Amino acid sequence: MPQLCNINELKANTDACWNHRGDKFAVGAASGQVYIGTYNKELGLWFALPQDADRALHDGPVVSVKFDPLSSRVVASASADGVVIVSTCYVPEVDSDSKGLYG
């Protein structure tokens, strides 16, 4: 069972959730960024990347992140700036089939 997760965030992580299969997670941060994480078998750890590497998704801290409960291919994020963003979080290694956890 993996015990380590890497998120390159300079501010606090404010909310997190797992998808329904348990093979992907989302993290919202005080910086306004949303991270999507998956398990990396080669590194042996969970690794999260930002939704948009060039800029934060929100202008304020993210207060909630939730996956689409059916497919886990989209994530909704709400922030203190009063905006809700629904964006894709499709990860081919995880979402292209239904191998399951660590698959």
PDB file of N, CA and C in Angstrom:
ATOM      1  N   MET A   1       0.836  -1.181   0.000  1.00  0.00           N
ATOM      2  CA  MET A   1       0.000   0.000   0.000  1.00  0.00           C
ATOM      3  C   MET A   1       0.881   1.245   0.000  1.00  0.00           C
ATOM      4  N   PRO A   2       0.694   2.162  -0.946  1.00  0.00           N
ATOM      5  CA  PRO A   2       1.526   3.366  -0.989  1.00  0.00           C
ATOM      6  C   PRO A   2       1.305   4.254   0.231  1.00  0.00           C
ATOM      7  N   GLN A   3       2.366   4.858   0.689  1.00  0.00           N
ATOM      8  CA  GLN A   3       2.296   5.696   1.879  1.00  0.00           C
ATOM      9  C   GLN A   3       2.721   7.141   1.632  1.00  0.00           C
ATOM     10  N   LEU A   4       3.136   7.478   0.425  1.00  0.00           N
ATOM     11  CA  LEU A   4       3.723   8.774   0.170  1.00  0.00           C
ATOM     12  C   LEU A   4       3.034   9.457  -1.003  1.00  0.00           C
ATOM     13  N   CYS A   5       2.853  10.770  -0.907  1.00  0.00           N
ATOM     14  CA  CYS A   5       2.264  11.554  -1.995  1.00  0.00           C
ATOM     15  C   CYS A   5       3.079  12.821  -2.182  1.00  0.00           C
ATOM     16  N   ASN A   6       3.338  13.184  -3.428  1.00  0.00           N
ATOM     17  CA  ASN A   6       4.100  14.384  -3.742  1.00  0.00           C
ATOM     18  C   ASN A   6       3.186  15.408  -4.399  1.00  0.00           C
ATOM     19  N   ILE A   7       3.030  16.568  -3.757  1.00  0.00           N
ATOM     20  CA  ILE A   7       2.290  17.697  -4.336  1.00  0.00           C
ATOM     21  C   ILE A   7       3.188  18.916  -4.206  1.00  0.00           C
ATOM     22  N   ASN A   8       3.528  19.520  -5.324  1.00  0.00           N
ATOM     23  CA  ASN A   8       4.429  20.667  -5.332  1.00  0.00           C
ATOM     24  C   ASN A   8       3.616  21.956  -5.172  1.00  0.00           C
ATOM     25  N   GLU A   9       3.140  22.194  -3.953  1.00  0.00           N
ATOM     26  CA  GLU A   9       2.295  23.350  -3.648  1.00  0.00           C
ATOM     27  C   GLU A   9       2.985  24.201  -2.595  1.00  0.00           C
ATOM     28  N   LEU A  10       3.037  25.511  -2.825  1.00  0.00           N
ATOM     29  CA  LEU A  10       3.699  26.412  -1.885  1.00  0.00           C
ATOM     30  C   LEU A  10       2.780  26.893  -0.772  1.00  0.00           C
ATOM     31  N   LYS A  11       1.467  26.812  -0.983  1.00  0.00           N
ATOM     32  CA  LYS A  11       0.503  27.219   0.041  1.00  0.00           C
ATOM     33  C   LYS A  11      -0.215  25.991   0.578  1.00  0.00           C
ATOM     34  N   ALA A  12      -1.147  26.201   1.470  1.00  0.00           N
ATOM     35  CA  ALA A  12      -1.853  25.097   2.120  1.00  0.00           C
ATOM     36  C   ALA A  12      -2.768  24.342   1.164  1.00  0.00           C
ATOM     37  N   ASN A  13      -2.877  23.043   1.375  1.00  0.00           N
ATOM     38  CA  ASN A  13      -3.891  22.243   0.695  1.00  0.00           C
ATOM     39  C   ASN A  13      -5.174  22.395   1.499  1.00  0.00           C
ATOM     40  N   THR A  14      -6.268  22.760   0.834  1.00  0.00           N
ATOM     41  CA  THR A  14      -7.493  23.125   1.551  1.00  0.00           C
ATOM     42  C   THR A  14      -8.611  22.100   1.465  1.00  0.00           C
ATOM     43  N   ASP A  15      -8.627  21.255   0.442  1.00  0.00           N
ATOM     44  CA  ASP A  15      -9.640  20.211   0.329  1.00  0.00           C
ATOM     45  C   ASP A  15      -9.100  19.101  -0.561  1.00  0.00           C
ATOM     46  N   ALA A  16      -9.604  17.898  -0.352  1.00  0.00           N
ATOM     47  CA  ALA A  16      -9.177  16.756  -1.164  1.00  0.00           C
ATOM     48  C   ALA A  16     -10.301  15.742  -1.237  1.00  0.00           C
ATOM     49  N   CYS A  17     -10.306  14.941  -2.306  1.00  0.00           N
ATOM     50  CA  CYS A  17     -11.281  13.862  -2.433  1.00  0.00           C
ATOM     51  C   CYS A  17     -10.730  12.775  -3.339  1.00  0.00           C
ATOM     52  N   TRP A  18     -11.230  11.559  -3.134  1.00  0.00           N
ATOM     53  CA  TRP A  18     -10.902  10.411  -3.975  1.00  0.00           C
ATOM     54  C   TRP A  18     -12.014  10.201  -4.979  1.00  0.00           C
ATOM     55  N   ASN A  19     -11.680   9.604  -6.124  1.00  0.00           N
ATOM     56  CA  ASN A  19     -12.731   9.206  -7.053  1.00  0.00           C
ATOM     57  C   ASN A  19     -13.363   7.909  -6.553  1.00  0.00           C
ATOM     58  N   HIS A  20     -14.425   7.465  -7.203  1.00  0.00           N
ATOM     59  CA  HIS A  20     -15.168   6.299  -6.726  1.00  0.00           C
ATOM     60  C   HIS A  20     -14.394   4.987  -6.838  1.00  0.00           C
ATOM     61  N   ARG A  21     -13.390   4.919  -7.706  1.00  0.00           N
ATOM     62  CA  ARG A  21     -12.586   3.702  -7.848  1.00  0.00           C
ATOM     63  C   ARG A  21     -11.397   3.669  -6.893  1.00  0.00           C
ATOM     64  N   GLY A  22     -11.028   4.821  -6.339  1.00  0.00           N
ATOM     65  CA  GLY A  22      -9.884   4.885  -5.444  1.00  0.00           C
ATOM     66  C   GLY A  22      -8.544   4.901  -6.146  1.00  0.00           C
ATOM     67  N   ASP A  23      -8.535   5.218  -7.456  1.00  0.00           N
ATOM     68  CA  ASP A  23      -7.269   5.245  -8.190  1.00  0.00           C
ATOM     69  C   ASP A  23      -6.866   6.646  -8.636  1.00  0.00           C
ATOM     70  N   LYS A  24      -7.607   7.657  -8.171  1.00  0.00           N
ATOM     71  CA  LYS A  24      -7.293   9.041  -8.538  1.00  0.00           C
ATOM     72  C   LYS A  24      -7.832   9.948  -7.432  1.00  0.00           C
ATOM     73  N   PHE A  25      -7.116  11.042  -7.161  1.00  0.00           N
ATOM     74  CA  PHE A  25      -7.590  11.988  -6.164  1.00  0.00           C
ATOM     75  C   PHE A  25      -7.416  13.413  -6.672  1.00  0.00           C
ATOM     76  N   ALA A  26      -8.158  14.319  -6.077  1.00  0.00           N
ATOM     77  CA  ALA A  26      -8.063  15.743  -6.409  1.00  0.00           C
ATOM     78  C   ALA A  26      -7.748  16.509  -5.127  1.00  0.00           C
ATOM     79  N   VAL A  27      -6.927  17.541  -5.267  1.00  0.00           N
ATOM     80  CA  VAL A  27      -6.564  18.392  -4.140  1.00  0.00           C
ATOM     81  C   VAL A  27      -6.745  19.843  -4.560  1.00  0.00           C
ATOM     82  N   GLY A  28      -7.447  20.611  -3.737  1.00  0.00           N
ATOM     83  CA  GLY A  28      -7.573  22.045  -3.940  1.00  0.00           C
ATOM     84  C   GLY A  28      -6.629  22.765  -2.998  1.00  0.00           C
ATOM     85  N   ALA A  29      -6.088  23.878  -3.436  1.00  0.00           N
ATOM     86  CA  ALA A  29      -5.075  24.582  -2.642  1.00  0.00           C
ATOM     87  C   ALA A  29      -5.441  26.044  -2.416  1.00  0.00           C
ATOM     88  N   ALA A  30      -4.830  26.628  -1.406  1.00  0.00           N
ATOM     89  CA  ALA A  30      -5.039  28.037  -1.088  1.00  0.00           C
ATOM     90  C   ALA A  30      -4.546  28.953  -2.208  1.00  0.00           C
ATOM     91  N   SER A  31      -3.671  28.453  -3.045  1.00  0.00           N
ATOM     92  CA  SER A  31      -3.154  29.242  -4.167  1.00  0.00           C
ATOM     93  C   SER A  31      -4.173  29.381  -5.295  1.00  0.00           C
ATOM     94  N   GLY A  32      -5.270  28.608  -5.233  1.00  0.00           N
ATOM     95  CA  GLY A  32      -6.259  28.607  -6.309  1.00  0.00           C
ATOM     96  C   GLY A  32      -6.042  27.487  -7.310  1.00  0.00           C
ATOM     97  N   GLN A  33      -5.019  26.701  -7.101  1.00  0.00           N
ATOM     98  CA  GLN A  33      -4.702  25.599  -8.013  1.00  0.00           C
ATOM     99  C   GLN A  33      -5.460  24.333  -7.616  1.00  0.00           C
ATOM    100  N   VAL A  34      -5.732  23.492  -8.618  1.00  0.00           N
ATOM    101  CA  VAL A  34      -6.337  22.173  -8.406  1.00  0.00           C
ATOM    102  C   VAL A  34      -5.365  21.139  -8.959  1.00  0.00           C
ATOM    103  N   TYR A  35      -5.082  20.119  -8.158  1.00  0.00           N
ATOM    104  CA  TYR A  35      -4.159  19.055  -8.529  1.00  0.00           C
ATOM    105  C   TYR A  35      -4.924  17.746  -8.701  1.00  0.00           C
ATOM    106  N   ILE A  36      -4.508  16.961  -9.682  1.00  0.00           N
ATOM    107  CA  ILE A  36      -5.060  15.631  -9.893  1.00  0.00           C
ATOM    108  C   ILE A  36      -3.934  14.630  -9.674  1.00  0.00           C
ATOM    109  N   GLY A  37      -4.177  13.657  -8.810  1.00  0.00           N
ATOM    110  CA  GLY A  37      -3.144  12.703  -8.471  1.00  0.00           C
ATOM    111  C   GLY A  37      -3.495  11.281  -8.852  1.00  0.00           C
ATOM    112  N   THR A  38      -2.461  10.529  -9.215  1.00  0.00           N
ATOM    113  CA  THR A  38      -2.576   9.109  -9.526  1.00  0.00           C
ATOM    114  C   THR A  38      -1.354   8.391  -8.964  1.00  0.00           C
ATOM    115  N   TYR A  39      -1.433   7.087  -8.947  1.00  0.00           N
ATOM    116  CA  TYR A  39      -0.312   6.286  -8.452  1.00  0.00           C
ATOM    117  C   TYR A  39       0.681   6.041  -9.581  1.00  0.00           C
ATOM    118  N   ASN A  40       1.959   6.299  -9.320  1.00  0.00           N
ATOM    119  CA  ASN A  40       3.020   6.062 -10.284  1.00  0.00           C
ATOM    120  C   ASN A  40       3.761   4.794  -9.866  1.00  0.00           C
ATOM    121  N   LYS A  41       3.565   3.718 -10.626  1.00  0.00           N
ATOM    122  CA  LYS A  41       4.168   2.425 -10.278  1.00  0.00           C
ATOM    123  C   LYS A  41       5.694   2.465 -10.314  1.00  0.00           C
ATOM    124  N   GLU A  42       6.265   3.209 -11.278  1.00  0.00           N
ATOM    125  CA  GLU A  42       7.725   3.267 -11.400  1.00  0.00           C
ATOM    126  C   GLU A  42       8.368   3.943 -10.198  1.00  0.00           C
ATOM    127  N   LEU A  43       7.747   5.010  -9.697  1.00  0.00           N
ATOM    128  CA  LEU A  43       8.284   5.730  -8.547  1.00  0.00           C
ATOM    129  C   LEU A  43       7.832   5.128  -7.222  1.00  0.00           C
ATOM    130  N   GLY A  44       6.734   4.392  -7.248  1.00  0.00           N
ATOM    131  CA  GLY A  44       6.207   3.796  -6.026  1.00  0.00           C
ATOM    132  C   GLY A  44       5.550   4.791  -5.095  1.00  0.00           C
ATOM    133  N   LEU A  45       4.950   5.840  -5.671  1.00  0.00           N
ATOM    134  CA  LEU A  45       4.265   6.834  -4.850  1.00  0.00           C
ATOM    135  C   LEU A  45       3.130   7.480  -5.622  1.00  0.00           C
ATOM    136  N   TRP A  46       2.260   8.125  -4.869  1.00  0.00           N
ATOM    137  CA  TRP A  46       1.181   8.913  -5.473  1.00  0.00           C
ATOM    138  C   TRP A  46       1.779  10.245  -5.899  1.00  0.00           C
ATOM    139  N   PHE A  47       1.382  10.733  -7.061  1.00  0.00           N
ATOM    140  CA  PHE A  47       1.949  11.962  -7.611  1.00  0.00           C
ATOM    141  C   PHE A  47       0.817  12.817  -8.152  1.00  0.00           C
ATOM    142  N   ALA A  48       0.792  14.089  -7.790  1.00  0.00           N
ATOM    143  CA  ALA A  48      -0.271  14.989  -8.225  1.00  0.00           C
ATOM    144  C   ALA A  48       0.297  16.111  -9.086  1.00  0.00           C
ATOM    145  N   LEU A  49      -0.370  16.372 -10.207  1.00  0.00           N
ATOM    146  CA  LEU A  49       0.021  17.451 -11.115  1.00  0.00           C
ATOM    147  C   LEU A  49      -1.071  18.512 -11.161  1.00  0.00           C
ATOM    148  N   PRO A  50      -0.689  19.773 -11.379  1.00  0.00           N
ATOM    149  CA  PRO A  50      -1.698  20.836 -11.445  1.00  0.00           C
ATOM    150  C   PRO A  50      -2.563  20.717 -12.695  1.00  0.00           C
ATOM    151  N   GLN A  51      -3.815  21.121 -12.575  1.00  0.00           N
ATOM    152  CA  GLN A  51      -4.728  21.135 -13.715  1.00  0.00           C
ATOM    153  C   GLN A  51      -4.191  22.030 -14.827  1.00  0.00           C
ATOM    154  N   ASP A  52      -3.664  23.172 -14.474  1.00  0.00           N
ATOM    155  CA  ASP A  52      -3.086  24.107 -15.442  1.00  0.00           C
ATOM    156  C   ASP A  52      -1.708  24.497 -14.925  1.00  0.00           C
ATOM    157  N   ALA A  53      -0.668  24.054 -15.589  1.00  0.00           N
ATOM    158  CA  ALA A  53       0.699  24.286 -15.120  1.00  0.00           C
ATOM    159  C   ALA A  53       1.115  25.755 -15.205  1.00  0.00           C
ATOM    160  N   ASP A  54       0.453  26.537 -16.055  1.00  0.00           N
ATOM    161  CA  ASP A  54       0.861  27.925 -16.271  1.00  0.00           C
ATOM    162  C   ASP A  54       0.259  28.916 -15.281  1.00  0.00           C
ATOM    163  N   ARG A  55      -0.914  28.574 -14.752  1.00  0.00           N
ATOM    164  CA  ARG A  55      -1.580  29.511 -13.832  1.00  0.00           C
ATOM    165  C   ARG A  55      -2.553  28.747 -12.954  1.00  0.00           C
ATOM    166  N   ALA A  56      -2.925  29.368 -11.830  1.00  0.00           N
ATOM    167  CA  ALA A  56      -3.922  28.766 -10.951  1.00  0.00           C
ATOM    168  C   ALA A  56      -5.294  28.828 -11.617  1.00  0.00           C
ATOM    169  N   LEU A  57      -6.111  27.827 -11.378  1.00  0.00           N
ATOM    170  CA  LEU A  57      -7.458  27.797 -11.944  1.00  0.00           C
ATOM    171  C   LEU A  57      -8.343  28.893 -11.369  1.00  0.00           C
ATOM    172  N   HIS A  58      -8.177  29.186 -10.072  1.00  0.00           N
ATOM    173  CA  HIS A  58      -9.034  30.159  -9.379  1.00  0.00           C
ATOM    174  C   HIS A  58      -8.233  31.371  -8.912  1.00  0.00           C
ATOM    175  N   ASP A  59      -8.948  32.475  -8.697  1.00  0.00           N
ATOM    176  CA  ASP A  59      -8.323  33.685  -8.158  1.00  0.00           C
ATOM    177  C   ASP A  59      -8.285  33.682  -6.636  1.00  0.00           C
ATOM    178  N   GLY A  60      -9.025  32.795  -6.009  1.00  0.00           N
ATOM    179  CA  GLY A  60      -9.048  32.679  -4.553  1.00  0.00           C
ATOM    180  C   GLY A  60      -8.766  31.249  -4.133  1.00  0.00           C
ATOM    181  N   PRO A  61      -8.676  31.009  -2.832  1.00  0.00           N
ATOM    182  CA  PRO A  61      -8.426  29.656  -2.348  1.00  0.00           C
ATOM    183  C   PRO A  61      -9.538  28.690  -2.746  1.00  0.00           C
ATOM    184  N   VAL A  62      -9.162  27.482  -3.115  1.00  0.00           N
ATOM    185  CA  VAL A  62     -10.141  26.446  -3.439  1.00  0.00           C
ATOM    186  C   VAL A  62     -10.718  25.928  -2.126  1.00  0.00           C
ATOM    187  N   VAL A  63     -12.045  25.890  -2.031  1.00  0.00           N
ATOM    188  CA  VAL A  63     -12.696  25.432  -0.806  1.00  0.00           C
ATOM    189  C   VAL A  63     -13.321  24.051  -0.956  1.00  0.00           C
ATOM    190  N   SER A  64     -13.495  23.576  -2.200  1.00  0.00           N
ATOM    191  CA  SER A  64     -14.087  22.257  -2.404  1.00  0.00           C
ATOM    192  C   SER A  64     -13.694  21.689  -3.764  1.00  0.00           C
ATOM    193  N   VAL A  65     -13.389  20.397  -3.788  1.00  0.00           N
ATOM    194  CA  VAL A  65     -13.148  19.675  -5.042  1.00  0.00           C
ATOM    195  C   VAL A  65     -13.947  18.381  -4.997  1.00  0.00           C
ATOM    196  N   LYS A  66     -14.602  18.033  -6.104  1.00  0.00           N
ATOM    197  CA  LYS A  66     -15.407  16.809  -6.193  1.00  0.00           C
ATOM    198  C   LYS A  66     -15.315  16.234  -7.594  1.00  0.00           C
ATOM    199  N   PHE A  67     -15.181  14.906  -7.680  1.00  0.00           N
ATOM    200  CA  PHE A  67     -15.190  14.212  -8.960  1.00  0.00           C
ATOM    201  C   PHE A  67     -16.615  13.956  -9.418  1.00  0.00           C
ATOM    202  N   ASP A  68     -16.783  13.834 -10.733  1.00  0.00           N
ATOM    203  CA  ASP A  68     -18.017  13.305 -11.289  1.00  0.00           C
ATOM    204  C   ASP A  68     -18.152  11.882 -10.742  1.00  0.00           C
ATOM    205  N   PRO A  69     -19.264  11.563 -10.084  1.00  0.00           N
ATOM    206  CA  PRO A  69     -19.370  10.260  -9.431  1.00  0.00           C
ATOM    207  C   PRO A  69     -19.483   9.069 -10.381  1.00  0.00           C
ATOM    208  N   LEU A  70     -19.785   9.290 -11.640  1.00  0.00           N
ATOM    209  CA  LEU A  70     -19.943   8.176 -12.567  1.00  0.00           C
ATOM    210  C   LEU A  70     -18.670   7.838 -13.324  1.00  0.00           C
ATOM    211  N   SER A  71     -17.968   8.849 -13.831  1.00  0.00           N
ATOM    212  CA  SER A  71     -16.812   8.558 -14.676  1.00  0.00           C
ATOM    213  C   SER A  71     -15.477   8.959 -14.053  1.00  0.00           C
ATOM    214  N   SER A  72     -15.467   9.894 -13.138  1.00  0.00           N
ATOM    215  CA  SER A  72     -14.241  10.463 -12.554  1.00  0.00           C
ATOM    216  C   SER A  72     -13.356  11.120 -13.600  1.00  0.00           C
ATOM    217  N   ARG A  73     -13.934  11.502 -14.721  1.00  0.00           N
ATOM    218  CA  ARG A  73     -13.150  12.146 -15.784  1.00  0.00           C
ATOM    219  C   ARG A  73     -13.291  13.658 -15.787  1.00  0.00           C
ATOM    220  N   VAL A  74     -14.148  14.189 -14.930  1.00  0.00           N
ATOM    221  CA  VAL A  74     -14.258  15.631 -14.738  1.00  0.00           C
ATOM    222  C   VAL A  74     -14.264  15.912 -13.235  1.00  0.00           C
ATOM    223  N   VAL A  75     -13.790  17.090 -12.887  1.00  0.00           N
ATOM    224  CA  VAL A  75     -13.745  17.496 -11.492  1.00  0.00           C
ATOM    225  C   VAL A  75     -14.329  18.905 -11.389  1.00  0.00           C
ATOM    226  N   ALA A  76     -15.107  19.133 -10.350  1.00  0.00           N
ATOM    227  CA  ALA A  76     -15.642  20.462 -10.067  1.00  0.00           C
ATOM    228  C   ALA A  76     -14.856  21.042  -8.902  1.00  0.00           C
ATOM    229  N   SER A  77     -14.486  22.304  -9.042  1.00  0.00           N
ATOM    230  CA  SER A  77     -13.778  22.983  -7.964  1.00  0.00           C
ATOM    231  C   SER A  77     -14.471  24.302  -7.683  1.00  0.00           C
ATOM    232  N   ALA A  78     -14.649  24.599  -6.400  1.00  0.00           N
ATOM    233  CA  ALA A  78     -15.269  25.857  -5.975  1.00  0.00           C
ATOM    234  C   ALA A  78     -14.253  26.615  -5.138  1.00  0.00           C
ATOM    235  N   SER A  79     -14.289  27.939  -5.259  1.00  0.00           N
ATOM    236  CA  SER A  79     -13.304  28.719  -4.521  1.00  0.00           C
ATOM    237  C   SER A  79     -13.944  29.908  -3.819  1.00  0.00           C
ATOM    238  N   ALA A  80     -13.145  30.530  -2.977  1.00  0.00           N
ATOM    239  CA  ALA A  80     -13.593  31.698  -2.226  1.00  0.00           C
ATOM    240  C   ALA A  80     -13.866  32.892  -3.131  1.00  0.00           C
ATOM    241  N   ASP A  81     -13.436  32.835  -4.393  1.00  0.00           N
ATOM    242  CA  ASP A  81     -13.734  33.921  -5.327  1.00  0.00           C
ATOM    243  C   ASP A  81     -15.163  33.837  -5.862  1.00  0.00           C
ATOM    244  N   GLY A  82     -15.928  32.810  -5.420  1.00  0.00           N
ATOM    245  CA  GLY A  82     -17.322  32.678  -5.825  1.00  0.00           C
ATOM    246  C   GLY A  82     -17.524  31.971  -7.154  1.00  0.00           C
ATOM    247  N   VAL A  83     -16.489  31.332  -7.675  1.00  0.00           N
ATOM    248  CA  VAL A  83     -16.552  30.690  -8.987  1.00  0.00           C
ATOM    249  C   VAL A  83     -16.448  29.174  -8.819  1.00  0.00           C
ATOM    250  N   VAL A  84     -17.276  28.458  -9.583  1.00  0.00           N
ATOM    251  CA  VAL A  84     -17.173  27.007  -9.678  1.00  0.00           C
ATOM    252  C   VAL A  84     -16.705  26.673 -11.085  1.00  0.00           C
ATOM    253  N   ILE A  85     -15.672  25.853 -11.187  1.00  0.00           N
ATOM    254  CA  ILE A  85     -15.129  25.460 -12.486  1.00  0.00           C
ATOM    255  C   ILE A  85     -15.252  23.949 -12.619  1.00  0.00           C
ATOM    256  N   VAL A  86     -15.805  23.507 -13.728  1.00  0.00           N
ATOM    257  CA  VAL A  86     -15.868  22.088 -14.047  1.00  0.00           C
ATOM    258  C   VAL A  86     -14.860  21.860 -15.175  1.00  0.00           C
ATOM    259  N   SER A  87     -13.882  21.004 -14.925  1.00  0.00           N
ATOM    260  CA  SER A  87     -12.816  20.804 -15.908  1.00  0.00           C
ATOM    261  C   SER A  87     -12.499  19.317 -16.055  1.00  0.00           C
ATOM    262  N   THR A  88     -11.910  18.986 -17.181  1.00  0.00           N
ATOM    263  CA  THR A  88     -11.529  17.597 -17.426  1.00  0.00           C
ATOM    264  C   THR A  88     -10.335  17.221 -16.551  1.00  0.00           C
ATOM    265  N   CYS A  89     -10.334  15.982 -16.125  1.00  0.00           N
ATOM    266  CA  CYS A  89      -9.186  15.444 -15.384  1.00  0.00           C
ATOM    267  C   CYS A  89      -8.904  14.034 -15.895  1.00  0.00           C
ATOM    268  N   TYR A  90      -9.091  13.868 -17.187  1.00  0.00           N
ATOM    269  CA  TYR A  90      -8.879  12.573 -17.833  1.00  0.00           C
ATOM    270  C   TYR A  90      -7.393  12.218 -17.797  1.00  0.00           C
ATOM    271  N   VAL A  91      -7.091  11.059 -17.277  1.00  0.00           N
ATOM    272  CA  VAL A  91      -5.724  10.538 -17.225  1.00  0.00           C
ATOM    273  C   VAL A  91      -5.746   9.216 -17.993  1.00  0.00           C
ATOM    274  N   PRO A  92      -5.137   9.162 -19.183  1.00  0.00           N
ATOM    275  CA  PRO A  92      -5.240   7.963 -20.017  1.00  0.00           C
ATOM    276  C   PRO A  92      -4.826   6.671 -19.312  1.00  0.00           C
ATOM    277  N   GLU A  93      -3.783   6.716 -18.501  1.00  0.00           N
ATOM    278  CA  GLU A  93      -3.301   5.512 -17.823  1.00  0.00           C
ATOM    279  C   GLU A  93      -4.320   4.952 -16.835  1.00  0.00           C
ATOM    280  N   VAL A  94      -5.187   5.806 -16.323  1.00  0.00           N
ATOM    281  CA  VAL A  94      -6.166   5.394 -15.321  1.00  0.00           C
ATOM    282  C   VAL A  94      -7.565   5.270 -15.914  1.00  0.00           C
ATOM    283  N   ASP A  95      -7.937   6.193 -16.780  1.00  0.00           N
ATOM    284  CA  ASP A  95      -9.320   6.286 -17.256  1.00  0.00           C
ATOM    285  C   ASP A  95      -9.611   5.543 -18.556  1.00  0.00           C
ATOM    286  N   SER A  96      -8.593   5.086 -19.269  1.00  0.00           N
ATOM    287  CA  SER A  96      -8.851   4.466 -20.570  1.00  0.00           C
ATOM    288  C   SER A  96      -9.401   3.057 -20.445  1.00  0.00           C
ATOM    289  N   ASP A  97      -9.256   2.442 -19.287  1.00  0.00           N
ATOM    290  CA  ASP A  97      -9.849   1.132 -19.050  1.00  0.00           C
ATOM    291  C   ASP A  97     -10.266   1.047 -17.586  1.00  0.00           C
ATOM    292  N   SER A  98     -10.713  -0.080 -17.174  1.00  0.00           N
ATOM    293  CA  SER A  98     -11.165  -0.230 -15.781  1.00  0.00           C
ATOM    294  C   SER A  98     -10.353  -1.289 -15.044  1.00  0.00           C
ATOM    295  N   LYS A  99      -9.023  -1.181 -15.139  1.00  0.00           N
ATOM    296  CA  LYS A  99      -8.155  -2.142 -14.461  1.00  0.00           C
ATOM    297  C   LYS A  99      -8.291  -2.067 -12.944  1.00  0.00           C
ATOM    298  N   GLY A 100      -8.620  -0.891 -12.438  1.00  0.00           N
ATOM    299  CA  GLY A 100      -8.748  -0.741 -10.996  1.00  0.00           C
ATOM    300  C   GLY A 100      -7.474  -0.207 -10.359  1.00  0.00           C
ATOM    301  N   LEU A 101      -7.466  -0.234  -9.076  1.00  0.00           N
ATOM    302  CA  LEU A 101      -6.389   0.348  -8.279  1.00  0.00           C
ATOM    303  C   LEU A 101      -5.039  -0.289  -8.586  1.00  0.00           C
ATOM    304  N   TYR A 102      -4.054   0.540  -8.877  1.00  0.00           N
ATOM    305  CA  TYR A 102      -2.659   0.185  -9.144  1.00  0.00           C
ATOM    306  C   TYR A 102      -2.479  -0.669 -10.393  1.00  0.00           C
ATOM    307  N   GLY A 103      -3.527  -0.846 -11.176  1.00  0.00           N
ATOM    308  CA  GLY A 103      -3.607  -1.687 -12.244  1.00  0.00           C
ATOM    309  C   GLY A 103      -2.815  -1.984 -13.331  1.00  0.00           C
TER     310      GLY A 103
END
